[in-house]
Every structure is written in C-alpha cells, then in structure tokens.
Amino acid sequence: MKTRIAMVVFSCLALAFPALAQELAVSASDTTQSVIAAQKGKRITLRLRGGQELTGTVREATPKLVVLGAITGREFFDAAIPLEAVDAVIVRTK
C-alpha cells in the first residue's frame, strides 16, 4: 500500500513539473510589447525607467500601454503603464 501511495505522489509531482513556468524565449523580431503580450494571463515584473518594479498579472499589452492586474501589495488595483517607461521584463522561469 505504501508503495502504491508513493507511486501516486511521485506521478503527480512528475506531471506537475511541466506545468511550471517555461524558459523565456525571444526572437530577433520581438519587441517589448510582443514579449509582454506573450505572457498574457501570467505574473511578470516590469522594471521601470525610475528603477521601480511592478509585479502583476498581464491583462493587456498594446503598442502604447501595458495593463497589469492584481499588483503585488495592491491586489485590488490594476495599473496602466506606458510601454516606453518599461526598461525590463522579468519573468519567473522556475
């Protein structure tokens, strides 16, 4: 019985690992907007020009704005960030 339980737990863990975030991949034609848009529905951190970092769920990414929802520390708020204010896109991969 213990062996069977161990096998079930191991199987569940093995199946869960592919569900973790995947490595960030970019191509030569990617832009900041396309990288952010590819993360739609996922949590990312944006480093802004002033050094501030905002972490939240990508709701929308247009050529001019990024909308983050459920901002860390302000879960009931969304933020509209001008795309030109974004210096870096930080994505958790593990």
PDB file of N, CA and C in Angstrom:
ATOM      1  N   MET A   1       0.821  -1.195   0.000  1.00  0.00           N
ATOM      2  CA  MET A   1       0.000   0.000   0.000  1.00  0.00           C
ATOM      3  C   MET A   1       0.870   1.267   0.000  1.00  0.00           C
ATOM      4  N   LYS A   2       1.925   1.250   0.825  1.00  0.00           N
ATOM      5  CA  LYS A   2       2.811   2.411   0.888  1.00  0.00           C
ATOM      6  C   LYS A   2       3.490   2.646  -0.459  1.00  0.00           C
ATOM      7  N   THR A   3       3.836   1.565  -1.125  1.00  0.00           N
ATOM      8  CA  THR A   3       4.468   1.679  -2.435  1.00  0.00           C
ATOM      9  C   THR A   3       3.522   2.324  -3.433  1.00  0.00           C
ATOM     10  N   ARG A   4       2.279   1.938  -3.377  1.00  0.00           N
ATOM     11  CA  ARG A   4       1.281   2.492  -4.291  1.00  0.00           C
ATOM     12  C   ARG A   4       1.077   3.991  -4.033  1.00  0.00           C
ATOM     13  N   ILE A   5       1.013   4.376  -2.761  1.00  0.00           N
ATOM     14  CA  ILE A   5       0.862   5.796  -2.418  1.00  0.00           C
ATOM     15  C   ILE A   5       2.084   6.572  -2.894  1.00  0.00           C
ATOM     16  N   ALA A   6       3.265   6.014  -2.679  1.00  0.00           N
ATOM     17  CA  ALA A   6       4.490   6.680  -3.122  1.00  0.00           C
ATOM     18  C   ALA A   6       4.501   6.846  -4.636  1.00  0.00           C
ATOM     19  N   MET A   7       4.024   5.834  -5.351  1.00  0.00           N
ATOM     20  CA  MET A   7       3.978   5.928  -6.811  1.00  0.00           C
ATOM     21  C   MET A   7       3.000   7.004  -7.266  1.00  0.00           C
ATOM     22  N   VAL A   8       1.866   7.115  -6.590  1.00  0.00           N
ATOM     23  CA  VAL A   8       0.878   8.137  -6.942  1.00  0.00           C
ATOM     24  C   VAL A   8       1.451   9.527  -6.689  1.00  0.00           C
ATOM     25  N   VAL A   9       2.088   9.716  -5.537  1.00  0.00           N
ATOM     26  CA  VAL A   9       2.687  11.016  -5.215  1.00  0.00           C
ATOM     27  C   VAL A   9       3.777  11.353  -6.221  1.00  0.00           C
ATOM     28  N   PHE A  10       4.644  10.401  -6.527  1.00  0.00           N
ATOM     29  CA  PHE A  10       5.712  10.634  -7.496  1.00  0.00           C
ATOM     30  C   PHE A  10       5.141  10.990  -8.867  1.00  0.00           C
ATOM     31  N   SER A  11       4.097  10.281  -9.285  1.00  0.00           N
ATOM     32  CA  SER A  11       3.472  10.558 -10.588  1.00  0.00           C
ATOM     33  C   SER A  11       2.885  11.959 -10.634  1.00  0.00           C
ATOM     34  N   CYS A  12       2.224  12.362  -9.556  1.00  0.00           N
ATOM     35  CA  CYS A  12       1.645  13.714  -9.508  1.00  0.00           C
ATOM     36  C   CYS A  12       2.732  14.775  -9.586  1.00  0.00           C
ATOM     37  N   LEU A  13       3.827  14.560  -8.865  1.00  0.00           N
ATOM     38  CA  LEU A  13       4.924  15.524  -8.914  1.00  0.00           C
ATOM     39  C   LEU A  13       5.559  15.572 -10.296  1.00  0.00           C
ATOM     40  N   ALA A  14       5.732  14.428 -10.907  1.00  0.00           N
ATOM     41  CA  ALA A  14       6.337  14.378 -12.242  1.00  0.00           C
ATOM     42  C   ALA A  14       5.463  15.083 -13.267  1.00  0.00           C
ATOM     43  N   LEU A  15       4.162  14.958 -13.131  1.00  0.00           N
ATOM     44  CA  LEU A  15       3.254  15.622 -14.065  1.00  0.00           C
ATOM     45  C   LEU A  15       3.155  17.115 -13.799  1.00  0.00           C
ATOM     46  N   ALA A  16       3.422  17.539 -12.570  1.00  0.00           N
ATOM     47  CA  ALA A  16       3.297  18.952 -12.224  1.00  0.00           C
ATOM     48  C   ALA A  16       4.469  19.774 -12.749  1.00  0.00           C
ATOM     49  N   PHE A  17       5.653  19.200 -12.881  1.00  0.00           N
ATOM     50  CA  PHE A  17       6.815  19.972 -13.305  1.00  0.00           C
ATOM     51  C   PHE A  17       6.665  20.616 -14.675  1.00  0.00           C
ATOM     52  N   PRO A  18       6.088  19.972 -15.686  1.00  0.00           N
ATOM     53  CA  PRO A  18       5.907  20.667 -16.961  1.00  0.00           C
ATOM     54  C   PRO A  18       4.942  21.847 -16.859  1.00  0.00           C
ATOM     55  N   ALA A  19       4.100  21.867 -15.817  1.00  0.00           N
ATOM     56  CA  ALA A  19       3.146  22.959 -15.654  1.00  0.00           C
ATOM     57  C   ALA A  19       3.815  24.213 -15.105  1.00  0.00           C
ATOM     58  N   LEU A  20       5.050  24.095 -14.614  1.00  0.00           N
ATOM     59  CA  LEU A  20       5.762  25.263 -14.121  1.00  0.00           C
ATOM     60  C   LEU A  20       6.091  26.192 -15.279  1.00  0.00           C
ATOM     61  N   ALA A  21       6.426  27.425 -14.938  1.00  0.00           N
ATOM     62  CA  ALA A  21       6.750  28.407 -15.972  1.00  0.00           C
ATOM     63  C   ALA A  21       7.879  27.894 -16.860  1.00  0.00           C
ATOM     64  N   GLN A  22       7.792  28.215 -18.122  1.00  0.00           N
ATOM     65  CA  GLN A  22       8.806  27.779 -19.066  1.00  0.00           C
ATOM     66  C   GLN A  22       9.808  28.902 -19.306  1.00  0.00           C
ATOM     67  N   GLU A  23      10.945  28.529 -19.852  1.00  0.00           N
ATOM     68  CA  GLU A  23      12.012  29.476 -20.139  1.00  0.00           C
ATOM     69  C   GLU A  23      11.526  30.557 -21.099  1.00  0.00           C
ATOM     70  N   LEU A  24      11.989  31.764 -20.882  1.00  0.00           N
ATOM     71  CA  LEU A  24      11.639  32.892 -21.741  1.00  0.00           C
ATOM     72  C   LEU A  24      12.428  32.790 -23.042  1.00  0.00           C
ATOM     73  N   ALA A  25      11.724  32.785 -24.153  1.00  0.00           N
ATOM     74  CA  ALA A  25      12.375  32.700 -25.464  1.00  0.00           C
ATOM     75  C   ALA A  25      12.004  33.929 -26.282  1.00  0.00           C
ATOM     76  N   VAL A  26      12.995  34.527 -26.921  1.00  0.00           N
ATOM     77  CA  VAL A  26      12.753  35.692 -27.774  1.00  0.00           C
ATOM     78  C   VAL A  26      13.387  35.449 -29.135  1.00  0.00           C
ATOM     79  N   SER A  27      12.861  36.159 -30.121  1.00  0.00           N
ATOM     80  CA  SER A  27      13.434  36.068 -31.463  1.00  0.00           C
ATOM     81  C   SER A  27      13.904  37.452 -31.884  1.00  0.00           C
ATOM     82  N   ALA A  28      14.570  37.528 -33.005  1.00  0.00           N
ATOM     83  CA  ALA A  28      15.125  38.794 -33.487  1.00  0.00           C
ATOM     84  C   ALA A  28      14.041  39.832 -33.761  1.00  0.00           C
ATOM     85  N   SER A  29      12.845  39.382 -34.086  1.00  0.00           N
ATOM     86  CA  SER A  29      11.774  40.328 -34.422  1.00  0.00           C
ATOM     87  C   SER A  29      10.922  40.729 -33.219  1.00  0.00           C
ATOM     88  N   ASP A  30      11.208  40.193 -32.028  1.00  0.00           N
ATOM     89  CA  ASP A  30      10.409  40.517 -30.847  1.00  0.00           C
ATOM     90  C   ASP A  30      10.639  41.948 -30.386  1.00  0.00           C
ATOM     91  N   THR A  31       9.592  42.505 -29.813  1.00  0.00           N
ATOM     92  CA  THR A  31       9.644  43.831 -29.200  1.00  0.00           C
ATOM     93  C   THR A  31       9.258  43.673 -27.734  1.00  0.00           C
ATOM     94  N   THR A  32       9.413  44.739 -26.978  1.00  0.00           N
ATOM     95  CA  THR A  32       8.985  44.702 -25.582  1.00  0.00           C
ATOM     96  C   THR A  32       7.509  44.344 -25.501  1.00  0.00           C
ATOM     97  N   GLN A  33       6.711  44.929 -26.382  1.00  0.00           N
ATOM     98  CA  GLN A  33       5.277  44.646 -26.383  1.00  0.00           C
ATOM     99  C   GLN A  33       4.994  43.178 -26.673  1.00  0.00           C
ATOM    100  N   SER A  34       5.662  42.590 -27.656  1.00  0.00           N
ATOM    101  CA  SER A  34       5.385  41.192 -28.007  1.00  0.00           C
ATOM    102  C   SER A  34       5.817  40.236 -26.896  1.00  0.00           C
ATOM    103  N   VAL A  35       6.915  40.558 -26.211  1.00  0.00           N
ATOM    104  CA  VAL A  35       7.361  39.724 -25.092  1.00  0.00           C
ATOM    105  C   VAL A  35       6.335  39.779 -23.967  1.00  0.00           C
ATOM    106  N   ILE A  36       5.840  40.980 -23.671  1.00  0.00           N
ATOM    107  CA  ILE A  36       4.829  41.129 -22.618  1.00  0.00           C
ATOM    108  C   ILE A  36       3.521  40.464 -23.035  1.00  0.00           C
ATOM    109  N   ALA A  37       3.095  40.667 -24.280  1.00  0.00           N
ATOM    110  CA  ALA A  37       1.839  40.079 -24.762  1.00  0.00           C
ATOM    111  C   ALA A  37       1.883  38.553 -24.701  1.00  0.00           C
ATOM    112  N   ALA A  38       3.046  37.961 -24.916  1.00  0.00           N
ATOM    113  CA  ALA A  38       3.178  36.505 -24.853  1.00  0.00           C
ATOM    114  C   ALA A  38       2.973  35.981 -23.432  1.00  0.00           C
ATOM    115  N   GLN A  39       3.088  36.855 -22.455  1.00  0.00           N
ATOM    116  CA  GLN A  39       2.915  36.469 -21.053  1.00  0.00           C
ATOM    117  C   GLN A  39       1.503  36.775 -20.540  1.00  0.00           C
ATOM    118  N   LYS A  40       0.581  37.076 -21.428  1.00  0.00           N
ATOM    119  CA  LYS A  40      -0.784  37.449 -21.029  1.00  0.00           C
ATOM    120  C   LYS A  40      -1.383  36.383 -20.112  1.00  0.00           C
ATOM    121  N   GLY A  41      -1.934  36.841 -18.991  1.00  0.00           N
ATOM    122  CA  GLY A  41      -2.526  35.941 -18.009  1.00  0.00           C
ATOM    123  C   GLY A  41      -1.532  35.407 -16.994  1.00  0.00           C
ATOM    124  N   LYS A  42      -0.250  35.740 -17.152  1.00  0.00           N
ATOM    125  CA  LYS A  42       0.788  35.256 -16.241  1.00  0.00           C
ATOM    126  C   LYS A  42       1.342  36.421 -15.432  1.00  0.00           C
ATOM    127  N   ARG A  43       1.995  36.098 -14.316  1.00  0.00           N
ATOM    128  CA  ARG A  43       2.601  37.125 -13.467  1.00  0.00           C
ATOM    129  C   ARG A  43       3.997  37.465 -13.986  1.00  0.00           C
ATOM    130  N   ILE A  44       4.248  38.746 -14.103  1.00  0.00           N
ATOM    131  CA  ILE A  44       5.569  39.226 -14.508  1.00  0.00           C
ATOM    132  C   ILE A  44       5.936  40.423 -13.642  1.00  0.00           C
ATOM    133  N   THR A  45       7.187  40.807 -13.713  1.00  0.00           N
ATOM    134  CA  THR A  45       7.661  42.025 -13.068  1.00  0.00           C
ATOM    135  C   THR A  45       8.183  42.942 -14.158  1.00  0.00           C
ATOM    136  N   LEU A  46       7.772  44.196 -14.101  1.00  0.00           N
ATOM    137  CA  LEU A  46       8.272  45.205 -15.032  1.00  0.00           C
ATOM    138  C   LEU A  46       9.179  46.149 -14.263  1.00  0.00           C
ATOM    139  N   ARG A  47      10.406  46.324 -14.756  1.00  0.00           N
ATOM    140  CA  ARG A  47      11.302  47.327 -14.177  1.00  0.00           C
ATOM    141  C   ARG A  47      11.125  48.589 -15.000  1.00  0.00           C
ATOM    142  N   LEU A  48      10.801  49.678 -14.310  1.00  0.00           N
ATOM    143  CA  LEU A  48      10.508  50.937 -14.982  1.00  0.00           C
ATOM    144  C   LEU A  48      11.738  51.831 -15.020  1.00  0.00           C
ATOM    145  N   ARG A  49      11.656  52.890 -15.821  1.00  0.00           N
ATOM    146  CA  ARG A  49      12.788  53.813 -16.004  1.00  0.00           C
ATOM    147  C   ARG A  49      13.366  54.315 -14.700  1.00  0.00           C
ATOM    148  N   GLY A  50      12.514  54.626 -13.740  1.00  0.00           N
ATOM    149  CA  GLY A  50      12.978  55.172 -12.461  1.00  0.00           C
ATOM    150  C   GLY A  50      13.542  54.128 -11.515  1.00  0.00           C
ATOM    151  N   GLY A  51      13.585  52.858 -11.937  1.00  0.00           N
ATOM    152  CA  GLY A  51      14.107  51.795 -11.094  1.00  0.00           C
ATOM    153  C   GLY A  51      13.035  51.062 -10.308  1.00  0.00           C
ATOM    154  N   GLN A  52      11.824  51.586 -10.302  1.00  0.00           N
ATOM    155  CA  GLN A  52      10.720  50.938  -9.596  1.00  0.00           C
ATOM    156  C   GLN A  52      10.339  49.645 -10.310  1.00  0.00           C
ATOM    157  N   GLU A  53       9.911  48.650  -9.547  1.00  0.00           N
ATOM    158  CA  GLU A  53       9.443  47.395 -10.130  1.00  0.00           C
ATOM    159  C   GLU A  53       7.982  47.183  -9.769  1.00  0.00           C
ATOM    160  N   LEU A  54       7.190  46.781 -10.750  1.00  0.00           N
ATOM    161  CA  LEU A  54       5.785  46.446 -10.544  1.00  0.00           C
ATOM    162  C   LEU A  54       5.580  44.997 -10.948  1.00  0.00           C
ATOM    163  N   THR A  55       4.978  44.222 -10.057  1.00  0.00           N
ATOM    164  CA  THR A  55       4.684  42.820 -10.336  1.00  0.00           C
ATOM    165  C   THR A  55       3.180  42.639 -10.363  1.00  0.00           C
ATOM    166  N   GLY A  56       2.708  41.959 -11.391  1.00  0.00           N
ATOM    167  CA  GLY A  56       1.282  41.699 -11.506  1.00  0.00           C
ATOM    168  C   GLY A  56       1.001  40.768 -12.667  1.00  0.00           C
ATOM    169  N   THR A  57      -0.280  40.533 -12.898  1.00  0.00           N
ATOM    170  CA  THR A  57      -0.725  39.662 -13.978  1.00  0.00           C
ATOM    171  C   THR A  57      -0.979  40.488 -15.225  1.00  0.00           C
ATOM    172  N   VAL A  58      -0.415  40.067 -16.343  1.00  0.00           N
ATOM    173  CA  VAL A  58      -0.596  40.798 -17.600  1.00  0.00           C
ATOM    174  C   VAL A  58      -2.045  40.648 -18.052  1.00  0.00           C
ATOM    175  N   ARG A  59      -2.736  41.770 -18.146  1.00  0.00           N
ATOM    176  CA  ARG A  59      -4.115  41.763 -18.637  1.00  0.00           C
ATOM    177  C   ARG A  59      -4.147  42.115 -20.128  1.00  0.00           C
ATOM    178  N   GLU A  60      -3.319  43.082 -20.522  1.00  0.00           N
ATOM    179  CA  GLU A  60      -3.319  43.557 -21.913  1.00  0.00           C
ATOM    180  C   GLU A  60      -1.975  44.211 -22.211  1.00  0.00           C
ATOM    181  N   ALA A  61      -1.561  44.117 -23.460  1.00  0.00           N
ATOM    182  CA  ALA A  61      -0.347  44.798 -23.915  1.00  0.00           C
ATOM    183  C   ALA A  61      -0.633  45.368 -25.295  1.00  0.00           C
ATOM    184  N   THR A  62      -0.696  46.691 -25.374  1.00  0.00           N
ATOM    185  CA  THR A  62      -0.939  47.377 -26.639  1.00  0.00           C
ATOM    186  C   THR A  62       0.360  48.054 -27.063  1.00  0.00           C
ATOM    187  N   PRO A  63       0.404  48.646 -28.259  1.00  0.00           N
ATOM    188  CA  PRO A  63       1.639  49.328 -28.670  1.00  0.00           C
ATOM    189  C   PRO A  63       2.036  50.499 -27.760  1.00  0.00           C
ATOM    190  N   LYS A  64       1.093  51.008 -26.956  1.00  0.00           N
ATOM    191  CA  LYS A  64       1.418  52.151 -26.101  1.00  0.00           C
ATOM    192  C   LYS A  64       1.331  51.857 -24.609  1.00  0.00           C
ATOM    193  N   LEU A  65       0.506  50.878 -24.205  1.00  0.00           N
ATOM    194  CA  LEU A  65       0.276  50.626 -22.780  1.00  0.00           C
ATOM    195  C   LEU A  65       0.354  49.145 -22.439  1.00  0.00           C
ATOM    196  N   VAL A  66       0.724  48.897 -21.184  1.00  0.00           N
ATOM    197  CA  VAL A  66       0.655  47.559 -20.598  1.00  0.00           C
ATOM    198  C   VAL A  66      -0.284  47.668 -19.407  1.00  0.00           C
ATOM    199  N   VAL A  67      -1.236  46.749 -19.302  1.00  0.00           N
ATOM    200  CA  VAL A  67      -2.142  46.736 -18.158  1.00  0.00           C
ATOM    201  C   VAL A  67      -1.796  45.527 -17.298  1.00  0.00           C
ATOM    202  N   LEU A  68      -1.401  45.809 -16.043  1.00  0.00           N
ATOM    203  CA  LEU A  68      -1.125  44.757 -15.069  1.00  0.00           C
ATOM    204  C   LEU A  68      -2.253  44.739 -14.052  1.00  0.00           C
ATOM    205  N   GLY A  69      -2.723  43.558 -13.717  1.00  0.00           N
ATOM    206  CA  GLY A  69      -3.755  43.408 -12.702  1.00  0.00           C
ATOM    207  C   GLY A  69      -3.189  42.734 -11.470  1.00  0.00           C
ATOM    208  N   ALA A  70      -3.917  42.844 -10.367  1.00  0.00           N
ATOM    209  CA  ALA A  70      -3.523  42.223  -9.097  1.00  0.00           C
ATOM    210  C   ALA A  70      -2.074  42.567  -8.758  1.00  0.00           C
ATOM    211  N   ILE A  71      -1.799  43.854  -8.713  1.00  0.00           N
ATOM    212  CA  ILE A  71      -0.451  44.345  -8.415  1.00  0.00           C
ATOM    213  C   ILE A  71      -0.032  43.851  -7.027  1.00  0.00           C
ATOM    214  N   THR A  72       1.177  43.321  -6.921  1.00  0.00           N
ATOM    215  CA  THR A  72       1.672  42.843  -5.637  1.00  0.00           C
ATOM    216  C   THR A  72       1.675  43.988  -4.632  1.00  0.00           C
ATOM    217  N   GLY A  73       1.064  43.741  -3.483  1.00  0.00           N
ATOM    218  CA  GLY A  73       0.943  44.768  -2.454  1.00  0.00           C
ATOM    219  C   GLY A  73      -0.299  45.619  -2.624  1.00  0.00           C
ATOM    220  N   ARG A  74      -0.929  45.533  -3.774  1.00  0.00           N
ATOM    221  CA  ARG A  74      -2.159  46.275  -4.076  1.00  0.00           C
ATOM    222  C   ARG A  74      -3.066  45.379  -4.916  1.00  0.00           C
ATOM    223  N   GLU A  75      -3.426  44.236  -4.360  1.00  0.00           N
ATOM    224  CA  GLU A  75      -4.121  43.195  -5.108  1.00  0.00           C
ATOM    225  C   GLU A  75      -5.437  43.638  -5.732  1.00  0.00           C
ATOM    226  N   PHE A  76      -6.053  44.680  -5.201  1.00  0.00           N
ATOM    227  CA  PHE A  76      -7.346  45.127  -5.721  1.00  0.00           C
ATOM    228  C   PHE A  76      -7.203  46.243  -6.752  1.00  0.00           C
ATOM    229  N   PHE A  77      -5.991  46.458  -7.228  1.00  0.00           N
ATOM    230  CA  PHE A  77      -5.731  47.536  -8.171  1.00  0.00           C
ATOM    231  C   PHE A  77      -5.126  46.994  -9.459  1.00  0.00           C
ATOM    232  N   ASP A  78      -5.379  47.689 -10.554  1.00  0.00           N
ATOM    233  CA  ASP A  78      -4.726  47.445 -11.834  1.00  0.00           C
ATOM    234  C   ASP A  78      -3.844  48.653 -12.128  1.00  0.00           C
ATOM    235  N   ALA A  79      -2.881  48.490 -13.007  1.00  0.00           N
ATOM    236  CA  ALA A  79      -2.013  49.601 -13.397  1.00  0.00           C
ATOM    237  C   ALA A  79      -1.894  49.643 -14.912  1.00  0.00           C
ATOM    238  N   ALA A  80      -1.987  50.840 -15.471  1.00  0.00           N
ATOM    239  CA  ALA A  80      -1.734  51.061 -16.897  1.00  0.00           C
ATOM    240  C   ALA A  80      -0.378  51.747 -16.994  1.00  0.00           C
ATOM    241  N   ILE A  81       0.576  51.075 -17.598  1.00  0.00           N
ATOM    242  CA  ILE A  81       1.952  51.563 -17.659  1.00  0.00           C
ATOM    243  C   ILE A  81       2.300  51.885 -19.101  1.00  0.00           C
ATOM    244  N   PRO A  82       2.804  53.097 -19.365  1.00  0.00           N
ATOM    245  CA  PRO A  82       3.246  53.408 -20.734  1.00  0.00           C
ATOM    246  C   PRO A  82       4.393  52.474 -21.130  1.00  0.00           C
ATOM    247  N   LEU A  83       4.306  51.906 -22.316  1.00  0.00           N
ATOM    248  CA  LEU A  83       5.310  50.944 -22.772  1.00  0.00           C
ATOM    249  C   LEU A  83       6.708  51.557 -22.823  1.00  0.00           C
ATOM    250  N   GLU A  84       6.796  52.850 -23.153  1.00  0.00           N
ATOM    251  CA  GLU A  84       8.125  53.469 -23.223  1.00  0.00           C
ATOM    252  C   GLU A  84       8.754  53.640 -21.845  1.00  0.00           C
ATOM    253  N   ALA A  85       7.982  53.455 -20.762  1.00  0.00           N
ATOM    254  CA  ALA A  85       8.519  53.550 -19.407  1.00  0.00           C
ATOM    255  C   ALA A  85       9.124  52.232 -18.932  1.00  0.00           C
ATOM    256  N   VAL A  86       8.953  51.161 -19.706  1.00  0.00           N
ATOM    257  CA  VAL A  86       9.432  49.833 -19.305  1.00  0.00           C
ATOM    258  C   VAL A  86      10.877  49.650 -19.764  1.00  0.00           C
ATOM    259  N   ASP A  87      11.761  49.402 -18.793  1.00  0.00           N
ATOM    260  CA  ASP A  87      13.165  49.129 -19.105  1.00  0.00           C
ATOM    261  C   ASP A  87      13.447  47.639 -19.231  1.00  0.00           C
ATOM    262  N   ALA A  88      12.741  46.816 -18.447  1.00  0.00           N
ATOM    263  CA  ALA A  88      12.997  45.372 -18.471  1.00  0.00           C
ATOM    264  C   ALA A  88      11.732  44.602 -18.129  1.00  0.00           C
ATOM    265  N   VAL A  89      11.631  43.409 -18.705  1.00  0.00           N
ATOM    266  CA  VAL A  89      10.543  42.481 -18.410  1.00  0.00           C
ATOM    267  C   VAL A  89      11.173  41.295 -17.690  1.00  0.00           C
ATOM    268  N   ILE A  90      10.724  41.046 -16.473  1.00  0.00           N
ATOM    269  CA  ILE A  90      11.288  39.964 -15.666  1.00  0.00           C
ATOM    270  C   ILE A  90      10.224  38.885 -15.523  1.00  0.00           C
ATOM    271  N   VAL A  91      10.572  37.663 -15.943  1.00  0.00           N
ATOM    272  CA  VAL A  91       9.634  36.543 -15.940  1.00  0.00           C
ATOM    273  C   VAL A  91      10.218  35.423 -15.094  1.00  0.00           C
ATOM    274  N   ARG A  92       9.429  34.914 -14.181  1.00  0.00           N
ATOM    275  CA  ARG A  92       9.889  33.787 -13.362  1.00  0.00           C
ATOM    276  C   ARG A  92       9.842  32.514 -14.204  1.00  0.00           C
ATOM    277  N   THR A  93      10.961  31.790 -14.248  1.00  0.00           N
ATOM    278  CA  THR A  93      11.036  30.592 -15.085  1.00  0.00           C
ATOM    279  C   THR A  93      11.131  29.309 -14.279  1.00  0.00           C
ATOM    280  N   LYS A  94      11.344  29.374 -12.999  1.00  0.00           N
ATOM    281  CA  LYS A  94      11.444  28.149 -12.181  1.00  0.00           C
ATOM    282  C   LYS A  94      10.646  28.304 -10.930  1.00  0.00           C
TER     283      LYS A  94
END
